[in-house]
């Protein structure tokens, strides 16, 4: 789920990111001009909203669609890794399907 970010902090790094980077979505390459600039969001590459270096090395500008997609992929990957960790290790099978085959064949008179 998205965390609530205080508006003043978001505006600070958003303003800086818009000064540092071209107004282009880093994933789909769509250009944004002044009228549609509100559709361009700042994405934290490491998904840590507290990591805001002034050089912008943890940010990228993404359009609303790519930003949502990136967070969905992150959530799915996190759920898959949690599911894999919660499974108990598989035990080797002790089932031997042909263990009694000789006895069955003898009863039917097919074995020597």
PDB file of N, CA and C in Angstrom:
ATOM      1  N   UNK A   1       0.827  -1.183   0.000  1.00  0.00           N
ATOM      2  CA  UNK A   1       0.000   0.000   0.000  1.00  0.00           C
ATOM      3  C   UNK A   1       0.879   1.257   0.000  1.00  0.00           C
ATOM      4  N   UNK A   2       0.386   2.294  -0.622  1.00  0.00           N
ATOM      5  CA  UNK A   2       1.136   3.538  -0.668  1.00  0.00           C
ATOM      6  C   UNK A   2       1.128   4.206   0.697  1.00  0.00           C
ATOM      7  N   UNK A   3       2.278   4.731   1.059  1.00  0.00           N
ATOM      8  CA  UNK A   3       2.376   5.429   2.335  1.00  0.00           C
ATOM      9  C   UNK A   3       1.944   6.877   2.165  1.00  0.00           C
ATOM     10  N   UNK A   4       1.468   7.444   3.232  1.00  0.00           N
ATOM     11  CA  UNK A   4       1.090   8.846   3.202  1.00  0.00           C
ATOM     12  C   UNK A   4       2.351   9.688   3.394  1.00  0.00           C
ATOM     13  N   UNK A   5       2.635  10.546   2.443  1.00  0.00           N
ATOM     14  CA  UNK A   5       3.826  11.386   2.491  1.00  0.00           C
ATOM     15  C   UNK A   5       3.372  12.812   2.752  1.00  0.00           C
ATOM     16  N   UNK A   6       3.968  13.465   3.733  1.00  0.00           N
ATOM     17  CA  UNK A   6       3.581  14.853   3.990  1.00  0.00           C
ATOM     18  C   UNK A   6       3.750  15.695   2.724  1.00  0.00           C
ATOM     19  N   UNK A   7       2.744  16.516   2.397  1.00  0.00           N
ATOM     20  CA  UNK A   7       2.777  17.278   1.137  1.00  0.00           C
ATOM     21  C   UNK A   7       4.017  18.168   0.994  1.00  0.00           C
ATOM     22  N   UNK A   8       4.486  18.763   2.093  1.00  0.00           N
ATOM     23  CA  UNK A   8       5.647  19.654   1.977  1.00  0.00           C
ATOM     24  C   UNK A   8       6.905  18.882   1.594  1.00  0.00           C
ATOM     25  N   UNK A   9       7.065  17.655   2.110  1.00  0.00           N
ATOM     26  CA  UNK A   9       8.246  16.856   1.775  1.00  0.00           C
ATOM     27  C   UNK A   9       8.165  16.360   0.336  1.00  0.00           C
ATOM     28  N   UNK A  10       6.965  15.942  -0.073  1.00  0.00           N
ATOM     29  CA  UNK A  10       6.799  15.469  -1.445  1.00  0.00           C
ATOM     30  C   UNK A  10       7.092  16.595  -2.427  1.00  0.00           C
ATOM     31  N   UNK A  11       6.599  17.789  -2.144  1.00  0.00           N
ATOM     32  CA  UNK A  11       6.822  18.916  -3.041  1.00  0.00           C
ATOM     33  C   UNK A  11       8.306  19.250  -3.123  1.00  0.00           C
ATOM     34  N   UNK A  12       9.026  19.096  -2.026  1.00  0.00           N
ATOM     35  CA  UNK A  12      10.442  19.414  -2.027  1.00  0.00           C
ATOM     36  C   UNK A  12      11.197  18.504  -2.987  1.00  0.00           C
ATOM     37  N   UNK A  13      11.040  17.194  -2.847  1.00  0.00           N
ATOM     38  CA  UNK A  13      11.797  16.328  -3.742  1.00  0.00           C
ATOM     39  C   UNK A  13      11.196  16.295  -5.142  1.00  0.00           C
ATOM     40  N   UNK A  14       9.903  16.506  -5.283  1.00  0.00           N
ATOM     41  CA  UNK A  14       9.314  16.560  -6.625  1.00  0.00           C
ATOM     42  C   UNK A  14       9.839  17.771  -7.386  1.00  0.00           C
ATOM     43  N   UNK A  15       9.874  18.910  -6.741  1.00  0.00           N
ATOM     44  CA  UNK A  15      10.382  20.121  -7.379  1.00  0.00           C
ATOM     45  C   UNK A  15      11.830  19.937  -7.799  1.00  0.00           C
ATOM     46  N   UNK A  16      12.619  19.351  -6.921  1.00  0.00           N
ATOM     47  CA  UNK A  16      14.024  19.112  -7.238  1.00  0.00           C
ATOM     48  C   UNK A  16      14.171  18.107  -8.384  1.00  0.00           C
ATOM     49  N   UNK A  17      13.377  17.046  -8.357  1.00  0.00           N
ATOM     50  CA  UNK A  17      13.446  16.038  -9.422  1.00  0.00           C
ATOM     51  C   UNK A  17      13.066  16.647 -10.776  1.00  0.00           C
ATOM     52  N   UNK A  18      12.076  17.521 -10.783  1.00  0.00           N
ATOM     53  CA  UNK A  18      11.664  18.154 -12.037  1.00  0.00           C
ATOM     54  C   UNK A  18      12.739  19.104 -12.563  1.00  0.00           C
ATOM     55  N   UNK A  19      13.578  19.632 -11.672  1.00  0.00           N
ATOM     56  CA  UNK A  19      14.692  20.481 -12.104  1.00  0.00           C
ATOM     57  C   UNK A  19      15.864  19.639 -12.614  1.00  0.00           C
ATOM     58  N   UNK A  20      16.037  18.453 -12.015  1.00  0.00           N
ATOM     59  CA  UNK A  20      17.183  17.610 -12.362  1.00  0.00           C
ATOM     60  C   UNK A  20      16.996  16.794 -13.639  1.00  0.00           C
ATOM     61  N   UNK A  21      15.787  16.297 -13.857  1.00  0.00           N
ATOM     62  CA  UNK A  21      15.551  15.343 -14.935  1.00  0.00           C
ATOM     63  C   UNK A  21      14.702  15.941 -16.044  1.00  0.00           C
ATOM     64  N   UNK A  22      14.885  15.418 -17.269  1.00  0.00           N
ATOM     65  CA  UNK A  22      13.980  15.849 -18.359  1.00  0.00           C
ATOM     66  C   UNK A  22      12.560  15.356 -18.081  1.00  0.00           C
ATOM     67  N   UNK A  23      11.593  16.059 -18.587  1.00  0.00           N
ATOM     68  CA  UNK A  23      10.189  15.732 -18.307  1.00  0.00           C
ATOM     69  C   UNK A  23       9.712  14.611 -19.236  1.00  0.00           C
ATOM     70  N   UNK A  24      10.308  13.447 -19.044  1.00  0.00           N
ATOM     71  CA  UNK A  24      10.029  12.259 -19.856  1.00  0.00           C
ATOM     72  C   UNK A  24       9.903  11.078 -18.905  1.00  0.00           C
ATOM     73  N   UNK A  25       8.930  10.207 -19.149  1.00  0.00           N
ATOM     74  CA  UNK A  25       8.780   8.999 -18.341  1.00  0.00           C
ATOM     75  C   UNK A  25       9.983   8.095 -18.593  1.00  0.00           C
ATOM     76  N   UNK A  26      10.629   7.672 -17.531  1.00  0.00           N
ATOM     77  CA  UNK A  26      11.844   6.853 -17.652  1.00  0.00           C
ATOM     78  C   UNK A  26      11.555   5.456 -18.182  1.00  0.00           C
ATOM     79  N   UNK A  27      10.290   5.024 -18.178  1.00  0.00           N
ATOM     80  CA  UNK A  27       9.987   3.683 -18.686  1.00  0.00           C
ATOM     81  C   UNK A  27       9.387   3.704 -20.082  1.00  0.00           C
ATOM     82  N   UNK A  28       8.351   4.456 -20.284  1.00  0.00           N
ATOM     83  CA  UNK A  28       7.690   4.423 -21.602  1.00  0.00           C
ATOM     84  C   UNK A  28       8.193   5.502 -22.549  1.00  0.00           C
ATOM     85  N   UNK A  29       8.913   6.492 -22.033  1.00  0.00           N
ATOM     86  CA  UNK A  29       9.494   7.520 -22.885  1.00  0.00           C
ATOM     87  C   UNK A  29       8.551   8.627 -23.302  1.00  0.00           C
ATOM     88  N   UNK A  30       7.364   8.656 -22.714  1.00  0.00           N
ATOM     89  CA  UNK A  30       6.384   9.681 -23.076  1.00  0.00           C
ATOM     90  C   UNK A  30       6.850  11.053 -22.586  1.00  0.00           C
ATOM     91  N   UNK A  31       6.713  12.075 -23.435  1.00  0.00           N
ATOM     92  CA  UNK A  31       7.066  13.455 -23.088  1.00  0.00           C
ATOM     93  C   UNK A  31       5.919  14.128 -22.349  1.00  0.00           C
ATOM     94  N   UNK A  32       6.261  15.014 -21.441  1.00  0.00           N
ATOM     95  CA  UNK A  32       5.247  15.769 -20.717  1.00  0.00           C
ATOM     96  C   UNK A  32       5.573  17.246 -20.815  1.00  0.00           C
ATOM     97  N   UNK A  33       4.542  18.035 -21.125  1.00  0.00           N
ATOM     98  CA  UNK A  33       4.737  19.479 -21.163  1.00  0.00           C
ATOM     99  C   UNK A  33       4.105  20.098 -19.924  1.00  0.00           C
ATOM    100  N   UNK A  34       4.058  21.382 -19.869  1.00  0.00           N
ATOM    101  CA  UNK A  34       3.555  22.082 -18.691  1.00  0.00           C
ATOM    102  C   UNK A  34       2.140  21.710 -18.292  1.00  0.00           C
ATOM    103  N   UNK A  35       1.251  21.496 -19.275  1.00  0.00           N
ATOM    104  CA  UNK A  35      -0.143  21.209 -18.961  1.00  0.00           C
ATOM    105  C   UNK A  35      -0.328  19.820 -18.353  1.00  0.00           C
ATOM    106  N   UNK A  36       0.463  18.868 -18.783  1.00  0.00           N
ATOM    107  CA  UNK A  36       0.302  17.484 -18.317  1.00  0.00           C
ATOM    108  C   UNK A  36       1.388  17.064 -17.330  1.00  0.00           C
ATOM    109  N   UNK A  37       2.130  18.026 -16.834  1.00  0.00           N
ATOM    110  CA  UNK A  37       3.239  17.716 -15.934  1.00  0.00           C
ATOM    111  C   UNK A  37       2.772  17.059 -14.637  1.00  0.00           C
ATOM    112  N   UNK A  38       1.524  17.295 -14.261  1.00  0.00           N
ATOM    113  CA  UNK A  38       1.000  16.673 -13.039  1.00  0.00           C
ATOM    114  C   UNK A  38       0.851  15.158 -13.182  1.00  0.00           C
ATOM    115  N   UNK A  39       0.920  14.622 -14.411  1.00  0.00           N
ATOM    116  CA  UNK A  39       0.841  13.178 -14.637  1.00  0.00           C
ATOM    117  C   UNK A  39       2.202  12.497 -14.535  1.00  0.00           C
ATOM    118  N   UNK A  40       3.242  13.288 -14.278  1.00  0.00           N
ATOM    119  CA  UNK A  40       4.586  12.753 -14.119  1.00  0.00           C
ATOM    120  C   UNK A  40       4.899  12.689 -12.629  1.00  0.00           C
ATOM    121  N   UNK A  41       5.251  11.504 -12.140  1.00  0.00           N
ATOM    122  CA  UNK A  41       5.471  11.309 -10.707  1.00  0.00           C
ATOM    123  C   UNK A  41       6.934  10.968 -10.427  1.00  0.00           C
ATOM    124  N   UNK A  42       7.331  11.175  -9.189  1.00  0.00           N
ATOM    125  CA  UNK A  42       8.676  10.814  -8.754  1.00  0.00           C
ATOM    126  C   UNK A  42       8.601   9.422  -8.134  1.00  0.00           C
ATOM    127  N   UNK A  43       9.381   8.518  -8.690  1.00  0.00           N
ATOM    128  CA  UNK A  43       9.425   7.140  -8.173  1.00  0.00           C
ATOM    129  C   UNK A  43      10.747   6.934  -7.446  1.00  0.00           C
ATOM    130  N   UNK A  44      10.677   6.363  -6.251  1.00  0.00           N
ATOM    131  CA  UNK A  44      11.877   6.016  -5.502  1.00  0.00           C
ATOM    132  C   UNK A  44      12.335   4.633  -5.963  1.00  0.00           C
ATOM    133  N   UNK A  45      13.503   4.560  -6.544  1.00  0.00           N
ATOM    134  CA  UNK A  45      13.996   3.309  -7.133  1.00  0.00           C
ATOM    135  C   UNK A  45      14.097   2.191  -6.102  1.00  0.00           C
ATOM    136  N   UNK A  46      14.484   2.529  -4.870  1.00  0.00           N
ATOM    137  CA  UNK A  46      14.620   1.494  -3.831  1.00  0.00           C
ATOM    138  C   UNK A  46      13.348   1.347  -3.005  1.00  0.00           C
ATOM    139  N   UNK A  47      12.288   2.025  -3.400  1.00  0.00           N
ATOM    140  CA  UNK A  47      10.977   1.985  -2.736  1.00  0.00           C
ATOM    141  C   UNK A  47      11.031   2.499  -1.306  1.00  0.00           C
ATOM    142  N   UNK A  48      12.056   3.276  -0.970  1.00  0.00           N
ATOM    143  CA  UNK A  48      12.184   3.877   0.356  1.00  0.00           C
ATOM    144  C   UNK A  48      11.946   5.374   0.215  1.00  0.00           C
ATOM    145  N   UNK A  49      10.788   5.822   0.674  1.00  0.00           N
ATOM    146  CA  UNK A  49      10.415   7.229   0.517  1.00  0.00           C
ATOM    147  C   UNK A  49      11.209   8.151   1.430  1.00  0.00           C
ATOM    148  N   UNK A  50      11.961   7.587   2.345  1.00  0.00           N
ATOM    149  CA  UNK A  50      12.804   8.413   3.216  1.00  0.00           C
ATOM    150  C   UNK A  50      14.192   8.618   2.617  1.00  0.00           C
ATOM    151  N   UNK A  51      14.521   7.891   1.567  1.00  0.00           N
ATOM    152  CA  UNK A  51      15.827   7.999   0.924  1.00  0.00           C
ATOM    153  C   UNK A  51      15.729   9.022  -0.204  1.00  0.00           C
ATOM    154  N   UNK A  52      16.039  10.264   0.115  1.00  0.00           N
ATOM    155  CA  UNK A  52      15.912  11.358  -0.844  1.00  0.00           C
ATOM    156  C   UNK A  52      17.230  12.114  -0.989  1.00  0.00           C
ATOM    157  N   UNK A  53      18.231  11.518  -1.634  1.00  0.00           N
ATOM    158  CA  UNK A  53      19.501  12.217  -1.800  1.00  0.00           C
ATOM    159  C   UNK A  53      19.324  13.443  -2.702  1.00  0.00           C
ATOM    160  N   UNK A  54      20.014  14.526  -2.403  1.00  0.00           N
ATOM    161  CA  UNK A  54      19.827  15.760  -3.181  1.00  0.00           C
ATOM    162  C   UNK A  54      20.267  15.636  -4.636  1.00  0.00           C
ATOM    163  N   UNK A  55      21.094  14.631  -4.957  1.00  0.00           N
ATOM    164  CA  UNK A  55      21.505  14.468  -6.352  1.00  0.00           C
ATOM    165  C   UNK A  55      20.467  13.695  -7.171  1.00  0.00           C
ATOM    166  N   UNK A  56      19.410  13.189  -6.516  1.00  0.00           N
ATOM    167  CA  UNK A  56      18.328  12.498  -7.211  1.00  0.00           C
ATOM    168  C   UNK A  56      18.672  11.086  -7.641  1.00  0.00           C
ATOM    169  N   UNK A  57      19.711  10.502  -7.090  1.00  0.00           N
ATOM    170  CA  UNK A  57      20.149   9.173  -7.527  1.00  0.00           C
ATOM    171  C   UNK A  57      19.165   8.059  -7.167  1.00  0.00           C
ATOM    172  N   UNK A  58      18.221   8.329  -6.282  1.00  0.00           N
ATOM    173  CA  UNK A  58      17.220   7.316  -5.925  1.00  0.00           C
ATOM    174  C   UNK A  58      15.874   7.582  -6.596  1.00  0.00           C
ATOM    175  N   UNK A  59      15.827   8.552  -7.477  1.00  0.00           N
ATOM    176  CA  UNK A  59      14.564   8.921  -8.103  1.00  0.00           C
ATOM    177  C   UNK A  59      14.596   8.662  -9.599  1.00  0.00           C
ATOM    178  N   UNK A  60      13.394   8.486 -10.133  1.00  0.00           N
ATOM    179  CA  UNK A  60      13.193   8.545 -11.563  1.00  0.00           C
ATOM    180  C   UNK A  60      11.788   9.083 -11.788  1.00  0.00           C
ATOM    181  N   UNK A  61      11.610   9.792 -12.877  1.00  0.00           N
ATOM    182  CA  UNK A  61      10.288  10.318 -13.202  1.00  0.00           C
ATOM    183  C   UNK A  61       9.538   9.277 -14.018  1.00  0.00           C
ATOM    184  N   UNK A  62       8.335   8.929 -13.555  1.00  0.00           N
ATOM    185  CA  UNK A  62       7.486   7.963 -14.246  1.00  0.00           C
ATOM    186  C   UNK A  62       6.098   8.564 -14.423  1.00  0.00           C
ATOM    187  N   UNK A  63       5.457   8.230 -15.537  1.00  0.00           N
ATOM    188  CA  UNK A  63       4.066   8.652 -15.713  1.00  0.00           C
ATOM    189  C   UNK A  63       3.200   7.858 -14.731  1.00  0.00           C
ATOM    190  N   UNK A  64       1.985   8.281 -14.545  1.00  0.00           N
ATOM    191  CA  UNK A  64       1.091   7.623 -13.588  1.00  0.00           C
ATOM    192  C   UNK A  64       0.937   6.137 -13.869  1.00  0.00           C
ATOM    193  N   UNK A  65       0.826   5.771 -15.136  1.00  0.00           N
ATOM    194  CA  UNK A  65       0.611   4.367 -15.503  1.00  0.00           C
ATOM    195  C   UNK A  65       1.836   3.515 -15.193  1.00  0.00           C
ATOM    196  N   UNK A  66       3.008   3.983 -15.596  1.00  0.00           N
ATOM    197  CA  UNK A  66       4.236   3.225 -15.337  1.00  0.00           C
ATOM    198  C   UNK A  66       4.537   3.163 -13.843  1.00  0.00           C
ATOM    199  N   UNK A  67       4.216   4.237 -13.121  1.00  0.00           N
ATOM    200  CA  UNK A  67       4.438   4.249 -11.673  1.00  0.00           C
ATOM    201  C   UNK A  67       3.565   3.209 -10.985  1.00  0.00           C
ATOM    202  N   UNK A  68       2.298   3.166 -11.356  1.00  0.00           N
ATOM    203  CA  UNK A  68       1.397   2.149 -10.790  1.00  0.00           C
ATOM    204  C   UNK A  68       1.875   0.741 -11.142  1.00  0.00           C
ATOM    205  N   UNK A  69       2.294   0.551 -12.384  1.00  0.00           N
ATOM    206  CA  UNK A  69       2.780  -0.752 -12.817  1.00  0.00           C
ATOM    207  C   UNK A  69       4.018  -1.167 -12.013  1.00  0.00           C
ATOM    208  N   UNK A  70       4.924  -0.243 -11.793  1.00  0.00           N
ATOM    209  CA  UNK A  70       6.147  -0.544 -11.039  1.00  0.00           C
ATOM    210  C   UNK A  70       5.813  -0.988  -9.618  1.00  0.00           C
ATOM    211  N   UNK A  71       4.877  -0.302  -8.977  1.00  0.00           N
ATOM    212  CA  UNK A  71       4.508  -0.675  -7.605  1.00  0.00           C
ATOM    213  C   UNK A  71       3.753  -2.003  -7.568  1.00  0.00           C
ATOM    214  N   UNK A  72       2.942  -2.275  -8.575  1.00  0.00           N
ATOM    215  CA  UNK A  72       2.255  -3.571  -8.635  1.00  0.00           C
ATOM    216  C   UNK A  72       3.263  -4.701  -8.777  1.00  0.00           C
ATOM    217  N   UNK A  73       4.252  -4.519  -9.643  1.00  0.00           N
ATOM    218  CA  UNK A  73       5.285  -5.546  -9.816  1.00  0.00           C
ATOM    219  C   UNK A  73       6.043  -5.777  -8.524  1.00  0.00           C
ATOM    220  N   UNK A  74       6.320  -4.704  -7.802  1.00  0.00           N
ATOM    221  CA  UNK A  74       7.036  -4.802  -6.527  1.00  0.00           C
ATOM    222  C   UNK A  74       6.198  -5.570  -5.509  1.00  0.00           C
ATOM    223  N   UNK A  75       4.898  -5.283  -5.450  1.00  0.00           N
ATOM    224  CA  UNK A  75       4.020  -5.980  -4.507  1.00  0.00           C
ATOM    225  C   UNK A  75       3.896  -7.460  -4.845  1.00  0.00           C
ATOM    226  N   UNK A  76       3.768  -7.778  -6.120  1.00  0.00           N
ATOM    227  CA  UNK A  76       3.653  -9.184  -6.529  1.00  0.00           C
ATOM    228  C   UNK A  76       4.936  -9.941  -6.202  1.00  0.00           C
ATOM    229  N   UNK A  77       6.067  -9.340  -6.492  1.00  0.00           N
ATOM    230  CA  UNK A  77       7.348  -9.995  -6.191  1.00  0.00           C
ATOM    231  C   UNK A  77       7.501 -10.210  -4.692  1.00  0.00           C
ATOM    232  N   UNK A  78       7.075  -9.244  -3.903  1.00  0.00           N
ATOM    233  CA  UNK A  78       7.154  -9.367  -2.445  1.00  0.00           C
ATOM    234  C   UNK A  78       6.241 -10.484  -1.950  1.00  0.00           C
ATOM    235  N   UNK A  79       5.044 -10.569  -2.500  1.00  0.00           N
ATOM    236  CA  UNK A  79       4.112 -11.634  -2.102  1.00  0.00           C
ATOM    237  C   UNK A  79       4.645 -13.006  -2.488  1.00  0.00           C
ATOM    238  N   UNK A  80       5.247 -13.108  -3.659  1.00  0.00           N
ATOM    239  CA  UNK A  80       5.792 -14.390  -4.098  1.00  0.00           C
ATOM    240  C   UNK A  80       6.954 -14.831  -3.218  1.00  0.00           C
ATOM    241  N   UNK A  81       7.797 -13.903  -2.824  1.00  0.00           N
ATOM    242  CA  UNK A  81       8.925 -14.284  -1.976  1.00  0.00           C
ATOM    243  C   UNK A  81       8.443 -14.668  -0.579  1.00  0.00           C
ATOM    244  N   UNK A  82       7.396 -14.013  -0.083  1.00  0.00           N
ATOM    245  CA  UNK A  82       6.839 -14.385   1.221  1.00  0.00           C
ATOM    246  C   UNK A  82       6.190 -15.760   1.162  1.00  0.00           C
ATOM    247  N   UNK A  83       5.521 -16.064   0.063  1.00  0.00           N
ATOM    248  CA  UNK A  83       4.880 -17.359  -0.100  1.00  0.00           C
ATOM    249  C   UNK A  83       5.930 -18.467  -0.159  1.00  0.00           C
ATOM    250  N   UNK A  84       6.990 -18.223  -0.889  1.00  0.00           N
ATOM    251  CA  UNK A  84       8.046 -19.230  -1.015  1.00  0.00           C
ATOM    252  C   UNK A  84       8.712 -19.487   0.334  1.00  0.00           C
ATOM    253  N   UNK A  85       8.900 -18.445   1.124  1.00  0.00           N
ATOM    254  CA  UNK A  85       9.527 -18.601   2.443  1.00  0.00           C
ATOM    255  C   UNK A  85       8.620 -19.336   3.410  1.00  0.00           C
ATOM    256  N   UNK A  86       7.307 -19.168   3.270  1.00  0.00           N
ATOM    257  CA  UNK A  86       6.379 -19.766   4.229  1.00  0.00           C
ATOM    258  C   UNK A  86       6.137 -21.249   3.977  1.00  0.00           C
ATOM    259  N   UNK A  87       6.445 -21.732   2.779  1.00  0.00           N
ATOM    260  CA  UNK A  87       6.256 -23.149   2.490  1.00  0.00           C
ATOM    261  C   UNK A  87       7.256 -23.987   3.262  1.00  0.00           C
ATOM    262  N   UNK A  88       6.809 -25.139   3.713  1.00  0.00           N
ATOM    263  CA  UNK A  88       7.752 -26.040   4.367  1.00  0.00           C
ATOM    264  C   UNK A  88       8.515 -26.796   3.288  1.00  0.00           C
ATOM    265  N   UNK A  89       9.745 -27.175   3.581  1.00  0.00           N
ATOM    266  CA  UNK A  89      10.526 -27.871   2.566  1.00  0.00           C
ATOM    267  C   UNK A  89       9.882 -29.200   2.187  1.00  0.00           C
ATOM    268  N   UNK A  90       9.990 -29.537   0.932  1.00  0.00           N
ATOM    269  CA  UNK A  90       9.393 -30.781   0.466  1.00  0.00           C
ATOM    270  C   UNK A  90      10.202 -31.963   0.964  1.00  0.00           C
ATOM    271  N   UNK A  91       9.476 -32.982   1.411  1.00  0.00           N
ATOM    272  CA  UNK A  91      10.142 -34.202   1.870  1.00  0.00           C
ATOM    273  C   UNK A  91      10.254 -35.160   0.696  1.00  0.00           C
ATOM    274  N   UNK A  92      11.304 -35.966   0.676  1.00  0.00           N
ATOM    275  CA  UNK A  92      11.403 -36.936  -0.420  1.00  0.00           C
ATOM    276  C   UNK A  92      10.285 -37.965  -0.322  1.00  0.00           C
ATOM    277  N   UNK A  93       9.843 -38.421  -1.451  1.00  0.00           N
ATOM    278  CA  UNK A  93       8.757 -39.393  -1.497  1.00  0.00           C
ATOM    279  C   UNK A  93       9.232 -40.759  -1.007  1.00  0.00           C
ATOM    280  N   UNK A  94       8.380 -41.430  -0.264  1.00  0.00           N
ATOM    281  CA  UNK A  94       8.690 -42.796   0.190  1.00  0.00           C
ATOM    282  C   UNK A  94       7.836 -43.820  -0.543  1.00  0.00           C
ATOM    283  N   UNK A  95       7.027 -43.347  -1.466  1.00  0.00           N
ATOM    284  CA  UNK A  95       6.147 -44.226  -2.220  1.00  0.00           C
ATOM    285  C   UNK A  95       6.955 -44.996  -3.264  1.00  0.00           C
ATOM    286  N   UNK A  96       6.794 -46.307  -3.301  1.00  0.00           N
ATOM    287  CA  UNK A  96       7.454 -47.151  -4.302  1.00  0.00           C
ATOM    288  C   UNK A  96       6.368 -47.904  -5.065  1.00  0.00           C
ATOM    289  N   UNK A  97       6.023 -47.433  -6.242  1.00  0.00           N
ATOM    290  CA  UNK A  97       4.867 -47.964  -6.958  1.00  0.00           C
ATOM    291  C   UNK A  97       4.995 -49.435  -7.379  1.00  0.00           C
ATOM    292  N   UNK A  98       6.204 -49.944  -7.569  1.00  0.00           N
ATOM    293  CA  UNK A  98       6.369 -51.324  -8.045  1.00  0.00           C
ATOM    294  C   UNK A  98       6.851 -52.271  -6.951  1.00  0.00           C
ATOM    295  N   UNK A  99       6.727 -51.872  -5.702  1.00  0.00           N
ATOM    296  CA  UNK A  99       7.237 -52.689  -4.595  1.00  0.00           C
ATOM    297  C   UNK A  99       6.562 -54.062  -4.550  1.00  0.00           C
ATOM    298  N   UNK A 100       5.281 -54.137  -4.791  1.00  0.00           N
ATOM    299  CA  UNK A 100       4.551 -55.410  -4.691  1.00  0.00           C
ATOM    300  C   UNK A 100       4.216 -56.007  -6.058  1.00  0.00           C
ATOM    301  N   UNK A 101       4.888 -55.562  -7.087  1.00  0.00           N
ATOM    302  CA  UNK A 101       4.577 -56.030  -8.430  1.00  0.00           C
ATOM    303  C   UNK A 101       4.821 -57.541  -8.581  1.00  0.00           C
ATOM    304  N   UNK A 102       5.911 -58.028  -8.044  1.00  0.00           N
ATOM    305  CA  UNK A 102       6.215 -59.462  -8.165  1.00  0.00           C
ATOM    306  C   UNK A 102       5.120 -60.302  -7.513  1.00  0.00           C
ATOM    307  N   UNK A 103       4.649 -59.888  -6.329  1.00  0.00           N
ATOM    308  CA  UNK A 103       3.574 -60.617  -5.649  1.00  0.00           C
ATOM    309  C   UNK A 103       2.280 -60.596  -6.469  1.00  0.00           C
ATOM    310  N   UNK A 104       1.950 -59.460  -7.044  1.00  0.00           N
ATOM    311  CA  UNK A 104       0.737 -59.349  -7.850  1.00  0.00           C
ATOM    312  C   UNK A 104       0.805 -60.248  -9.084  1.00  0.00           C
ATOM    313  N   UNK A 105       1.959 -60.271  -9.717  1.00  0.00           N
ATOM    314  CA  UNK A 105       2.114 -61.112 -10.903  1.00  0.00           C
ATOM    315  C   UNK A 105       2.042 -62.598 -10.557  1.00  0.00           C
ATOM    316  N   UNK A 106       2.596 -62.966  -9.395  1.00  0.00           N
ATOM    317  CA  UNK A 106       2.537 -64.376  -8.967  1.00  0.00           C
ATOM    318  C   UNK A 106       1.093 -64.798  -8.735  1.00  0.00           C
ATOM    319  N   UNK A 107       0.311 -63.937  -8.101  1.00  0.00           N
ATOM    320  CA  UNK A 107      -1.093 -64.263  -7.824  1.00  0.00           C
ATOM    321  C   UNK A 107      -1.888 -64.451  -9.115  1.00  0.00           C
ATOM    322  N   UNK A 108      -1.538 -63.689 -10.126  1.00  0.00           N
ATOM    323  CA  UNK A 108      -2.259 -63.798 -11.395  1.00  0.00           C
ATOM    324  C   UNK A 108      -1.669 -64.886 -12.279  1.00  0.00           C
ATOM    325  N   UNK A 109      -0.564 -65.497 -11.853  1.00  0.00           N
ATOM    326  CA  UNK A 109       0.039 -66.577 -12.604  1.00  0.00           C
ATOM    327  C   UNK A 109       0.853 -66.101 -13.787  1.00  0.00           C
ATOM    328  N   UNK A 110       1.260 -64.847 -13.789  1.00  0.00           N
ATOM    329  CA  UNK A 110       2.025 -64.326 -14.917  1.00  0.00           C
ATOM    330  C   UNK A 110       3.539 -64.376 -14.674  1.00  0.00           C
ATOM    331  N   UNK A 111       3.946 -64.489 -13.431  1.00  0.00           N
ATOM    332  CA  UNK A 111       5.388 -64.508 -13.128  1.00  0.00           C
ATOM    333  C   UNK A 111       5.903 -65.918 -13.069  1.00  0.00           C
ATOM    334  N   UNK A 112       7.182 -66.082 -13.300  1.00  0.00           N
ATOM    335  CA  UNK A 112       7.814 -67.402 -13.232  1.00  0.00           C
ATOM    336  C   UNK A 112       8.291 -67.702 -11.859  1.00  0.00           C
TER     337      UNK A 112
END
